[in-house]
C-alpha cells in the first residue's frame, strides 16, 4: 500500500502549481521557499522538481536549442502526420462552445473507450496526457523504505518521480536482445515493492516482450503488488487488441494499463491520455490528479473524432512503417546495426561520443537523441518522421558515418 499524502496537501500543491504556471506575482523569497519545500512531510519531492523541464526533459532541452530552420525533428517520438483532418475539424468546431465545461465530452469518450475495450467507465481515468497519471501512480505507490521495480533502460518518468517520494528504484537490466527481463523483474519483487512498472513496447529500446509471457507475469505478480503496464506505443504493433493487457483488468487482476493519444493519434501537444484499472484503484489515483477536467474541451472533442478515425490511423501507421524501412536501409548501407523496432523510433549504436554526434547532426538541421547504454556504449535514438525528414537524416548521417 502506498503512502497517502492528505487531500489538503495535494490541493495546496495544485494551487501553488497553478500560481507558478499562471505567472502570478510572488515575492522571490516566497517562490523560492515554495519550490524548495517538500510536497508532504517526510517526502523529498519539491515543487521545483515538478516544474516543466526540471526532471531532465532532454527533449525539451533539444527543442529549445534547435535552429529555426530545423529540417528534421526526430528527437521526441511524435507522429508528424497528425492529428487527422477529422480531429482538426472537431478541434475547430469545439471552439464555439469552449466557454462551457466539457462534462458531456469526456463522458462520451469514457463510454466509447469502455465499449471498445469491454470494460466499464469506472475502470477508466483520463488525464492531460499520460504524464500526470504516471505521476499520480508514482505518488500513491511510493512509501519510505519501499521500492519501484522497472526495466533498465526503460521510460524513466514514473520511477524517477517515485524516488522523490522516498521510494527506492530497483533497476533490472534488459536481456541481451534488449527486451525487458520479466523473469529477473519478478525475482526483484519483494515485500517492500509498491509497484512494478512495465513499458511495453519499451522506450528507448523499441522492443516488445512475448504477450503470453507478460500475461503470465501480470497474473502472478499482481497477487503480490500492483503492476503498471504502459502501452503508449501499442498502436504501432501489428495486433494491438491481441497484445494489450486489458484482459487482465477484465479478469480482476491488480494491474493498471496506460494509453496515450500522444503517439499514433498525433496528440502530443493536445494532451489526452488515460489509464484503465480496477474501480477501487481508479478511485485512489483520482486523489492525485485532476483527471478529465484537466483536458480542454477542444482536445476532448478532437480525441472523440480521432478515436473513431480508423482509416487515418491505419494510414499514419503505414507511412510510419515506410519511413522506418527507409531508415533501416540507410543504416545498413552505412554499415550500422540497429535494434529491430516495434515503435515509432529506432535505437542504433554509433561510433563516436553520443552528445558530439547529436550536436553535429543538429548543425546539419537534424535533431536526434543520444543515449548511453550499458554504462559506456554510445547510442542514438531516431524518432520516425515524414519521408522528407528521413531523407534529411540520411544526408546528414552520411556526412558523419
Protein backbone atom coordinates (compact mmCIF):
# COMPACT_ATOMS: atom_id res chain seq x y z
CA UNK A 1 0.00 0.00 0.00
CA UNK A 2 1.42 3.40 -0.92
CA UNK A 3 1.88 6.37 1.32
CA UNK A 4 -1.12 8.72 1.24
CA UNK A 5 -0.49 12.45 1.49
CA UNK A 6 -3.62 14.29 2.63
CA UNK A 7 -6.01 15.78 0.10
CA UNK A 8 -5.38 19.18 1.62
CA UNK A 9 -1.67 18.85 0.91
CA UNK A 10 -2.40 17.78 -2.64
CA UNK A 11 -4.73 20.70 -3.21
CA UNK A 12 -2.15 23.08 -1.83
CA UNK A 13 0.32 21.60 -4.31
CA UNK A 14 -2.06 22.07 -7.20
CA UNK A 15 -2.94 25.62 -6.19
CA UNK A 16 0.71 26.54 -5.86
CA UNK A 17 1.49 24.89 -9.18
CA UNK A 18 -1.31 26.85 -10.82
CA UNK A 19 0.05 30.09 -9.42
CA UNK A 20 3.51 29.31 -10.70
CA UNK A 21 2.25 28.31 -14.14
CA UNK A 22 -0.02 31.35 -14.38
CA UNK A 23 2.74 33.77 -13.59
CA UNK A 24 1.02 35.29 -10.55
CA UNK A 25 3.48 37.76 -8.96
CA UNK A 26 5.06 36.31 -5.83
CA UNK A 27 7.89 37.63 -3.72
CA UNK A 28 11.17 35.99 -4.65
CA UNK A 29 11.69 34.56 -1.17
CA UNK A 30 8.19 33.06 -1.07
CA UNK A 31 8.63 31.49 -4.51
CA UNK A 32 11.96 30.01 -3.51
CA UNK A 33 10.52 28.54 -0.32
CA UNK A 34 7.55 27.10 -2.19
CA UNK A 35 9.76 25.44 -4.76
CA UNK A 36 12.18 24.08 -2.19
CA UNK A 37 9.57 22.82 0.32
CA UNK A 38 8.66 19.14 0.45
CA UNK A 39 5.34 18.15 -1.16
CA UNK A 40 4.28 16.50 2.09
CA UNK A 41 6.02 15.85 5.44
CA UNK A 42 8.72 13.23 5.08
CA UNK A 43 8.97 13.41 1.30
CA UNK A 44 11.93 14.68 -0.66
CA UNK A 45 9.82 15.82 -3.62
CA UNK A 46 9.60 19.57 -4.16
CA UNK A 47 7.66 21.84 -6.47
CA UNK A 48 10.89 22.69 -8.27
CA UNK A 49 11.16 19.05 -9.32
CA UNK A 50 7.75 19.24 -10.98
CA UNK A 51 8.31 22.43 -12.93
CA UNK A 52 8.45 21.72 -16.70
CA UNK A 53 11.98 20.98 -17.75
CA UNK A 54 13.20 20.24 -14.23
CA UNK A 55 13.14 16.43 -14.41
CA UNK A 56 15.76 16.02 -17.06
CA UNK A 57 13.47 16.53 -20.03
CA UNK A 58 16.15 16.09 -22.64
CA UNK A 59 13.68 16.52 -25.50
CA UNK A 60 12.74 19.97 -24.22
CA UNK A 61 16.38 20.98 -23.99
CA UNK A 62 16.95 19.80 -27.56
CA UNK A 63 13.88 21.68 -28.80
CA UNK A 64 14.96 24.91 -27.14
CA UNK A 65 18.40 24.69 -28.74
CA UNK A 66 17.13 23.68 -32.18
CA UNK A 67 17.59 26.18 -35.04
CA UNK A 68 14.54 27.84 -36.57
CA UNK A 69 15.21 26.10 -39.89
CA UNK A 70 15.27 22.59 -38.41
CA UNK A 71 14.91 20.11 -41.27
CA UNK A 72 14.01 17.04 -39.23
CA UNK A 73 12.53 16.90 -35.72
CA UNK A 74 13.45 13.33 -34.80
CA UNK A 75 14.04 13.51 -31.06
CA UNK A 76 10.62 13.33 -29.35
CA UNK A 77 8.77 10.23 -30.64
CA UNK A 78 5.94 12.29 -32.10
CA UNK A 79 3.63 11.45 -35.01
CA UNK A 80 4.47 14.03 -37.71
CA UNK A 81 1.42 13.04 -39.76
CA UNK A 82 -1.23 14.02 -37.24
CA UNK A 83 -3.73 14.89 -35.96
CA UNK A 84 -6.21 13.61 -38.52
CA UNK A 85 -8.33 16.01 -40.57
CA UNK A 86 -11.43 14.86 -38.66
CA UNK A 87 -9.74 15.61 -35.37
CA UNK A 88 -8.69 19.06 -36.61
CA UNK A 89 -12.25 19.86 -37.69
CA UNK A 90 -13.59 18.71 -34.34
CA UNK A 91 -10.99 20.85 -32.61
CA UNK A 92 -12.05 23.92 -34.57
CA UNK A 93 -15.78 23.26 -34.20
CA UNK A 94 -15.42 22.86 -30.43
CA UNK A 95 -14.17 26.43 -30.10
CA UNK A 96 -17.70 27.84 -30.34
CA UNK A 97 -18.73 26.19 -27.07
CA UNK A 98 -15.35 26.21 -25.36
CA UNK A 99 -16.74 28.59 -22.75
CA UNK A 100 -18.67 25.59 -21.36
CA UNK A 101 -17.22 22.96 -19.04
CA UNK A 102 -16.68 19.78 -21.10
CA UNK A 103 -18.78 17.42 -18.96
CA UNK A 104 -20.50 15.67 -21.86
CA UNK A 105 -17.37 15.38 -23.96
CA UNK A 106 -15.36 13.32 -21.52
CA UNK A 107 -18.47 11.31 -20.57
CA UNK A 108 -18.81 10.30 -24.22
CA UNK A 109 -15.10 9.47 -24.52
CA UNK A 110 -15.21 7.35 -21.35
CA UNK A 111 -18.13 5.36 -22.77
CA UNK A 112 -16.59 4.98 -26.22
CA UNK A 113 -13.36 3.52 -24.83
CA UNK A 114 -15.23 1.33 -22.34
CA UNK A 115 -17.33 -0.13 -25.14
CA UNK A 116 -14.34 -0.90 -27.34
CA UNK A 117 -12.24 -2.41 -24.54
CA UNK A 118 -15.10 -4.37 -22.98
CA UNK A 119 -14.82 -2.66 -19.60
CA UNK A 120 -16.88 -0.08 -17.71
CA UNK A 121 -16.38 3.71 -17.47
CA UNK A 122 -15.47 3.30 -13.81
CA UNK A 123 -12.41 1.32 -14.96
CA UNK A 124 -11.02 4.43 -16.72
CA UNK A 125 -9.34 7.65 -15.62
CA UNK A 126 -8.36 10.42 -18.03
CA UNK A 127 -5.60 12.99 -17.75
CA UNK A 128 -3.93 15.70 -19.81
CA UNK A 129 -1.64 13.16 -21.44
CA UNK A 130 -0.35 10.10 -19.58
CA UNK A 131 2.30 12.09 -17.69
CA UNK A 132 0.06 13.27 -14.81
CA UNK A 133 -1.32 9.73 -14.48
CA UNK A 134 2.19 8.29 -14.24
CA UNK A 135 2.94 10.92 -11.61
CA UNK A 136 -0.23 10.02 -9.70
CA UNK A 137 0.79 6.37 -9.59
CA UNK A 138 4.32 7.29 -8.52
CA UNK A 139 2.98 9.40 -5.66
CA UNK A 140 0.41 6.90 -4.45
CA UNK A 141 2.51 3.74 -4.63
CA UNK A 142 5.68 5.25 -3.15
CA UNK A 143 6.50 4.84 0.50
CA UNK A 144 9.59 5.32 2.68
CA UNK A 145 11.60 2.11 2.59
CA UNK A 146 9.60 0.78 -0.34
CA UNK A 147 10.66 0.26 -3.92
CA UNK A 148 9.52 0.55 -7.52
CA UNK A 149 10.76 -2.14 -9.92
CA UNK A 150 11.33 -1.36 -13.61
CA UNK A 151 13.47 -2.40 -16.55
CA UNK A 152 16.77 -0.68 -17.35
CA UNK A 153 16.79 1.11 -19.65
CA UNK A 154 13.11 1.95 -19.78
CA UNK A 155 10.90 5.01 -19.65
CA UNK A 156 12.01 6.83 -16.50
CA UNK A 157 9.20 9.26 -15.73
CA UNK A 158 7.30 7.15 -13.18
CA UNK A 159 10.24 5.60 -11.29
CA UNK A 160 12.17 8.89 -11.25
CA UNK A 161 9.17 10.63 -9.73
CA UNK A 162 8.84 7.82 -7.18
CA UNK A 163 12.38 8.43 -5.93
CA UNK A 164 11.34 11.97 -4.97
CA UNK A 165 8.76 10.39 -2.65
CA UNK A 166 11.26 8.20 -0.81
CA UNK A 167 10.82 5.08 -2.88
CA UNK A 168 13.87 3.10 -3.98
CA UNK A 169 14.17 2.49 -7.71
CA UNK A 170 15.16 -1.12 -8.44
CA UNK A 171 16.54 -1.23 -11.99
CA UNK A 172 16.54 -4.61 -13.70
CA UNK A 173 18.83 -4.79 -16.79
CA UNK A 174 17.24 -5.75 -20.09
CA UNK A 175 18.15 -9.02 -21.80
CA UNK A 176 20.89 -9.49 -24.40
CA UNK A 177 18.32 -8.73 -27.12
CA UNK A 178 17.30 -5.51 -25.32
CA UNK A 179 13.92 -6.76 -24.09
CA UNK A 180 12.54 -6.39 -20.59
CA UNK A 181 13.74 -9.32 -18.47
CA UNK A 182 10.43 -10.42 -16.95
CA UNK A 183 11.98 -13.35 -15.07
CA UNK A 184 14.54 -11.11 -13.36
CA UNK A 185 11.94 -8.43 -12.67
CA UNK A 186 9.70 -10.98 -10.99
CA UNK A 187 12.60 -12.11 -8.80
CA UNK A 188 13.26 -8.48 -7.84
CA UNK A 189 9.79 -8.10 -6.33
CA UNK A 190 9.78 -8.33 -2.54
CA UNK A 191 7.55 -7.39 0.37
CA UNK A 192 8.52 -3.73 0.01
CA UNK A 193 7.67 -3.41 -3.68
CA UNK A 194 4.91 -0.86 -4.12
CA UNK A 195 4.69 -1.09 -7.91
CA UNK A 196 6.20 -2.86 -10.91
CA UNK A 197 6.45 -0.65 -13.99
CA UNK A 198 6.39 -2.31 -17.42
CA UNK A 199 6.75 -0.17 -20.56
CA UNK A 200 5.67 -2.40 -23.45
CA UNK A 201 6.71 -1.70 -26.18
CA UNK A 202 9.68 -0.34 -24.30
CA UNK A 203 11.22 3.12 -24.59
CA UNK A 204 14.08 3.60 -25.52
CA UNK A 205 14.87 0.09 -26.81
CA UNK A 206 11.72 -0.14 -29.01
CA UNK A 207 11.34 -3.83 -28.17
CA UNK A 208 8.23 -5.77 -27.14
CA UNK A 209 8.02 -8.81 -24.88
CA UNK A 210 6.11 -12.02 -25.61
CA UNK A 211 2.42 -11.37 -24.90
CA UNK A 212 1.67 -14.72 -23.26
CA UNK A 213 4.72 -14.42 -21.02
CA UNK A 214 3.71 -10.91 -19.97
CA UNK A 215 0.18 -12.06 -19.21
CA UNK A 216 1.52 -14.85 -17.03
CA UNK A 217 3.85 -12.38 -15.32
CA UNK A 218 0.98 -9.99 -14.56
CA UNK A 219 -1.27 -12.77 -13.29
CA UNK A 220 1.37 -13.95 -10.81
CA UNK A 221 2.97 -10.66 -9.75
CA UNK A 222 -0.31 -8.74 -9.41
CA UNK A 223 -1.17 -11.05 -6.50
CA UNK A 224 1.82 -9.58 -4.65
CA UNK A 225 1.80 -5.94 -5.76
CA UNK A 226 0.37 -3.63 -8.41
CA UNK A 227 1.68 -3.96 -11.97
CA UNK A 228 1.62 -0.84 -14.17
CA UNK A 229 1.74 -1.63 -17.91
CA UNK A 230 2.47 1.44 -20.03
CA UNK A 231 1.12 0.82 -23.55
CA UNK A 232 1.98 4.22 -25.01
CA UNK A 233 3.32 2.64 -28.22
CA UNK A 234 0.92 -0.29 -28.58
CA UNK A 235 -0.79 1.20 -31.64
CA UNK A 236 2.40 0.59 -33.63
CA UNK A 237 2.14 -3.18 -33.15
CA UNK A 238 0.54 -5.46 -35.78
CA UNK A 239 -2.20 -6.58 -33.35
CA UNK A 240 -2.77 -4.08 -30.52
CA UNK A 241 -6.03 -5.73 -29.44
CA UNK A 242 -4.30 -9.09 -29.14
CA UNK A 243 -1.32 -7.64 -27.28
CA UNK A 244 -2.93 -5.37 -24.68
CA UNK A 245 -3.13 -6.39 -21.03
CA UNK A 246 -6.68 -5.05 -20.63
CA UNK A 247 -7.79 -8.69 -20.43
CA UNK A 248 -6.12 -8.79 -17.02
CA UNK A 249 -8.27 -5.93 -15.81
CA UNK A 250 -11.38 -7.76 -17.00
CA UNK A 251 -10.14 -10.81 -15.10
CA UNK A 252 -9.95 -8.74 -11.89
CA UNK A 253 -6.16 -8.53 -11.67
CA UNK A 254 -4.39 -5.78 -9.75
CA UNK A 255 -2.91 -4.10 -12.83
CA UNK A 256 -3.01 -0.66 -14.41
CA UNK A 257 -2.84 -0.17 -18.19
CA UNK A 258 -1.88 3.26 -19.56
CA UNK A 259 -2.61 4.61 -23.02
CA UNK A 260 -1.98 7.95 -24.69
CA UNK A 261 -3.19 9.86 -27.74
CA UNK A 262 0.27 11.45 -28.00
CA UNK A 263 1.73 8.86 -30.37
CA UNK A 264 -0.19 7.42 -33.35
CA UNK A 265 -3.10 9.85 -32.87
CA UNK A 266 -0.68 12.79 -33.13
CA UNK A 267 -1.88 14.50 -29.92
CA UNK A 268 1.47 15.17 -28.21
CA UNK A 269 0.59 18.88 -28.00
CA UNK A 270 -3.13 18.38 -27.34
CA UNK A 271 -2.54 16.29 -24.18
CA UNK A 272 -5.00 13.41 -23.82
CA UNK A 273 -4.19 10.15 -22.04
CA UNK A 274 -5.88 7.59 -19.82
CA UNK A 275 -5.37 4.60 -17.57
CA UNK A 276 -7.54 1.52 -17.08
CA UNK A 277 -7.64 -0.38 -13.79
CA UNK A 278 -9.92 -1.81 -11.13
CA UNK A 279 -12.51 0.77 -9.91
CA UNK A 280 -11.00 0.93 -6.41
CA UNK A 281 -7.56 1.69 -7.89
CA UNK A 282 -9.06 4.40 -10.10
CA UNK A 283 -10.70 6.00 -7.05
CA UNK A 284 -7.42 6.00 -5.15
CA UNK A 285 -5.48 7.61 -8.00
CA UNK A 286 -8.19 10.23 -8.58
CA UNK A 287 -6.98 11.95 -5.41
CA UNK A 288 -3.59 12.56 -7.07
CA UNK A 289 -4.67 14.01 -10.39
CA UNK A 290 -7.25 16.44 -11.74
CA UNK A 291 -8.49 13.78 -14.16
CA UNK A 292 -10.55 14.69 -17.24
CA UNK A 293 -11.20 18.24 -16.06
CA UNK A 294 -7.53 18.93 -16.79
CA UNK A 295 -8.22 18.38 -20.51
CA UNK A 296 -9.61 21.19 -22.63
CA UNK A 297 -12.98 20.85 -24.35
CA UNK A 298 -11.26 21.25 -27.72
CA UNK A 299 -8.82 18.41 -27.08
CA UNK A 300 -11.61 16.14 -25.85
CA UNK A 301 -13.68 16.73 -28.95
CA UNK A 302 -10.66 16.07 -31.14
CA UNK A 303 -9.98 12.85 -29.23
CA UNK A 304 -13.55 11.68 -29.80
CA UNK A 305 -13.12 12.18 -33.54
CA UNK A 306 -9.64 10.64 -33.70
CA UNK A 307 -10.62 7.55 -31.70
CA UNK A 308 -13.15 6.66 -34.39
CA UNK A 309 -10.95 7.55 -37.37
CA UNK A 310 -9.54 4.10 -38.11
CA UNK A 311 -8.74 4.98 -41.72
CA UNK A 312 -6.45 7.81 -40.68
CA UNK A 313 -4.71 5.74 -38.01
CA UNK A 314 -4.05 2.94 -40.49
CA UNK A 315 -2.67 5.45 -43.00
CA UNK A 316 -0.39 7.08 -40.42
CA UNK A 317 0.89 3.67 -39.38
CA UNK A 318 1.59 2.72 -43.00
CA UNK A 319 3.60 5.90 -43.58
CA UNK A 320 5.49 5.38 -40.31
CA UNK A 321 6.48 1.86 -41.35
CA UNK A 322 7.63 3.11 -44.77
CA UNK A 323 9.83 5.76 -43.14
CA UNK A 324 11.21 3.18 -40.72
CA UNK A 325 12.09 0.79 -43.55
CA UNK A 326 13.89 3.67 -45.29
CA UNK A 327 15.87 4.32 -42.09
CA UNK A 328 16.82 0.66 -41.81
CA UNK A 329 18.22 0.72 -45.35
CA UNK A 330 20.23 3.89 -44.66
CA UNK A 331 21.78 2.36 -41.55
CA UNK A 332 22.63 -0.91 -43.30
CA UNK A 333 24.21 0.86 -46.27
CA UNK A 334 26.45 2.81 -43.90
CA UNK A 335 27.49 -0.35 -42.06
CA UNK A 336 25.44 0.17 -38.88
CA UNK A 337 23.34 -2.29 -36.91
CA UNK A 338 20.13 -1.41 -35.08
CA UNK A 339 17.58 -2.86 -32.67
CA UNK A 340 14.52 -4.04 -34.67
CA UNK A 341 11.79 -1.61 -33.63
CA UNK A 342 8.18 -2.23 -32.61
CA UNK A 343 7.56 1.51 -32.18
CA UNK A 344 7.93 4.84 -33.98
CA UNK A 345 11.63 5.16 -33.13
CA UNK A 346 14.82 3.19 -33.67
CA UNK A 347 17.91 2.73 -31.47
CA UNK A 348 21.31 2.06 -33.04
CA UNK A 349 24.91 2.12 -31.73
CA UNK A 350 27.15 4.92 -33.00
CA UNK A 351 30.90 5.21 -33.45
CA UNK A 352 31.56 8.47 -31.63
CA UNK A 353 30.55 10.26 -28.45
CA UNK A 354 26.76 10.48 -28.37
CA UNK A 355 26.46 14.13 -27.40
CA UNK A 356 29.00 15.10 -30.06
CA UNK A 357 27.10 13.08 -32.65
CA UNK A 358 23.78 14.71 -31.74
CA UNK A 359 25.40 18.15 -31.82
CA UNK A 360 26.88 17.54 -35.26
CA UNK A 361 23.54 16.27 -36.56
CA UNK A 362 21.84 19.39 -35.18
CA UNK A 363 24.36 21.58 -37.02
CA UNK A 364 23.06 19.90 -40.15
CA UNK A 365 19.44 20.64 -39.24
CA UNK A 366 18.54 17.21 -37.83
CA UNK A 367 17.52 16.73 -34.20
CA UNK A 368 18.09 13.28 -32.65
CA UNK A 369 18.65 11.91 -29.12
CA UNK A 370 21.88 10.39 -27.92
CA UNK A 371 21.88 7.63 -25.32
CA UNK A 372 24.34 5.71 -23.18
CA UNK A 373 23.55 2.02 -22.71
CA UNK A 374 25.48 -0.44 -20.63
CA UNK A 375 27.39 2.26 -18.81
CA UNK A 376 29.54 3.43 -21.71
CA UNK A 377 28.17 2.30 -25.07
CA UNK A 378 27.09 5.22 -27.24
CA UNK A 379 23.72 5.02 -29.00
CA UNK A 380 21.37 7.22 -30.99
CA UNK A 381 17.57 7.14 -30.83
CA UNK A 382 15.88 8.36 -34.00
CA UNK A 383 12.16 9.12 -33.98
CA UNK A 384 10.39 8.20 -37.21
CA UNK A 385 9.45 11.28 -39.24
CA UNK A 386 7.99 12.12 -42.61
CA UNK A 387 9.92 10.81 -45.60
CA UNK A 388 11.44 14.25 -46.24
CA UNK A 389 12.70 14.28 -42.65
CA UNK A 390 14.18 10.80 -43.04
CA UNK A 391 15.94 11.92 -46.21
CA UNK A 392 17.37 14.90 -44.31
CA UNK A 393 18.58 12.47 -41.63
CA UNK A 394 20.20 10.28 -44.30
CA UNK A 395 22.06 13.19 -45.87
CA UNK A 396 23.39 14.42 -42.52
CA UNK A 397 24.21 10.94 -41.27
CA UNK A 398 26.26 10.06 -44.35
CA UNK A 399 28.49 13.04 -43.64
CA UNK A 400 29.29 11.70 -40.17
CA UNK A 401 29.20 7.93 -40.56
